[in-house]
Amino acid sequence: MRGEPTYDTATGQRVGERLPVTWVDIDHPDPADAESFPGPVYSQGRARGGARFLGLEGADWAGGQLTFVVSEAGDAEEGQVWTYWPTDLHTGVLTLR
């Protein structure tokens, strides 16, 4: 999904489709005011092609994969459950469940 700076996972996704992922570097991942103003960290990722998720809630790492919930997304606006499988240190596969 890197290289598509407007990629939005909130709608138009297909259950089971495998999306290739490449992580992007964040130049300033821990600015002094990050607790009060987290927007700059998000903006750095988006500017480098990071995807947008709407309403991230919780995550669980088990069996070599990350499963996370997005509460405010989906075509029916009833949330989404995603799974991320890393393929190496910088890439992986993302799938809507």
Protein backbone atom coordinates (compact mmCIF):
# COMPACT_ATOMS: atom_id res chain seq x y z
CA MET A 1 0.00 0.00 0.00
CA ARG A 2 3.04 2.24 0.21
CA GLY A 3 3.20 4.81 -2.53
CA GLU A 4 -0.55 5.39 -2.43
CA PRO A 5 -0.70 8.32 0.01
CA THR A 6 -4.47 8.56 -0.18
CA TYR A 7 -5.11 4.84 0.43
CA ASP A 8 -8.02 4.58 2.82
CA THR A 9 -9.04 1.26 4.38
CA ALA A 10 -12.32 2.60 5.84
CA THR A 11 -14.54 1.65 2.88
CA GLY A 12 -14.39 -0.25 -0.38
CA GLN A 13 -12.36 -3.17 1.00
CA ARG A 14 -13.04 -6.81 0.15
CA VAL A 15 -13.01 -9.53 2.79
CA GLY A 16 -10.16 -11.96 2.17
CA GLU A 17 -8.23 -9.79 -0.30
CA ARG A 18 -4.50 -9.91 0.42
CA LEU A 19 -2.93 -6.44 0.41
CA PRO A 20 0.88 -6.14 0.22
CA VAL A 21 2.40 -3.97 2.95
CA THR A 22 5.70 -2.12 3.16
CA TRP A 23 6.40 -0.24 6.37
CA VAL A 24 7.36 3.42 6.16
CA ASP A 25 9.92 5.16 8.35
CA ILE A 26 8.82 7.98 10.63
CA ASP A 27 11.56 10.63 10.97
CA HIS A 28 10.31 11.94 14.33
CA PRO A 29 8.34 9.10 15.99
CA ASP A 30 8.41 10.57 19.50
CA PRO A 31 8.03 14.35 19.46
CA ALA A 32 7.99 15.99 22.89
CA ASP A 33 4.28 16.86 22.60
CA ALA A 34 3.11 13.52 21.12
CA GLU A 35 0.88 12.70 24.10
CA SER A 36 -1.06 15.94 23.64
CA PHE A 37 -0.83 16.23 19.84
CA PRO A 38 -0.44 12.83 18.09
CA GLY A 39 -1.36 14.27 14.67
CA PRO A 40 2.21 15.04 13.52
CA VAL A 41 3.26 11.38 13.82
CA TYR A 42 0.22 10.24 11.81
CA SER A 43 0.87 12.95 9.21
CA GLN A 44 4.45 11.79 8.73
CA GLY A 45 3.25 8.27 7.94
CA ARG A 46 0.50 9.44 5.60
CA ALA A 47 2.90 11.71 3.71
CA ARG A 48 5.12 8.68 3.04
CA GLY A 49 2.30 6.51 1.76
CA GLY A 50 0.93 5.03 4.97
CA ALA A 51 -2.66 3.78 4.84
CA ARG A 52 -5.48 5.32 6.86
CA PHE A 53 -7.48 3.27 9.38
CA LEU A 54 -10.54 4.82 11.05
CA GLY A 55 -11.04 4.23 14.77
CA LEU A 56 -8.28 1.79 15.73
CA GLU A 57 -9.35 0.07 18.97
CA GLY A 58 -7.39 -2.98 20.05
CA ALA A 59 -4.81 -5.45 18.84
CA ASP A 60 -3.57 -8.95 19.65
CA TRP A 61 -0.32 -10.63 18.60
CA ALA A 62 -0.62 -14.43 18.48
CA GLY A 63 0.61 -17.20 16.22
CA GLY A 64 2.94 -14.91 14.30
CA GLN A 65 0.21 -12.51 13.22
CA LEU A 66 -1.33 -9.26 14.43
CA THR A 67 -5.11 -8.98 14.55
CA PHE A 68 -6.62 -5.54 15.14
CA VAL A 69 -10.06 -3.98 15.26
CA VAL A 70 -11.20 -0.79 13.54
CA SER A 71 -14.44 0.35 15.18
CA GLU A 72 -15.71 3.10 12.90
CA ALA A 73 -15.04 1.68 9.44
CA GLY A 74 -16.49 -0.69 6.88
CA ASP A 75 -19.06 -0.12 4.18
CA ALA A 76 -21.83 -0.67 6.75
CA GLU A 77 -19.93 1.44 9.33
CA GLU A 78 -20.04 -1.49 11.79
CA GLY A 79 -16.28 -1.92 12.12
CA GLN A 80 -13.61 -4.13 10.61
CA VAL A 81 -11.23 -6.85 11.79
CA TRP A 82 -7.84 -6.95 10.05
CA THR A 83 -4.98 -9.45 10.21
CA TYR A 84 -1.37 -8.58 9.42
CA TRP A 85 1.22 -11.29 8.69
CA PRO A 86 4.82 -10.09 8.49
CA THR A 87 6.86 -11.65 5.70
CA ASP A 88 10.13 -10.05 6.83
CA LEU A 89 11.24 -7.04 8.88
CA HIS A 90 9.83 -4.46 6.40
CA THR A 91 6.98 -6.18 4.54
CA GLY A 92 3.88 -8.22 5.12
CA VAL A 93 0.33 -8.99 4.06
CA LEU A 94 -2.83 -7.33 5.37
CA THR A 95 -6.22 -9.04 5.11
CA LEU A 96 -9.71 -7.90 6.06
CA ARG A 97 -11.51 -10.69 7.94
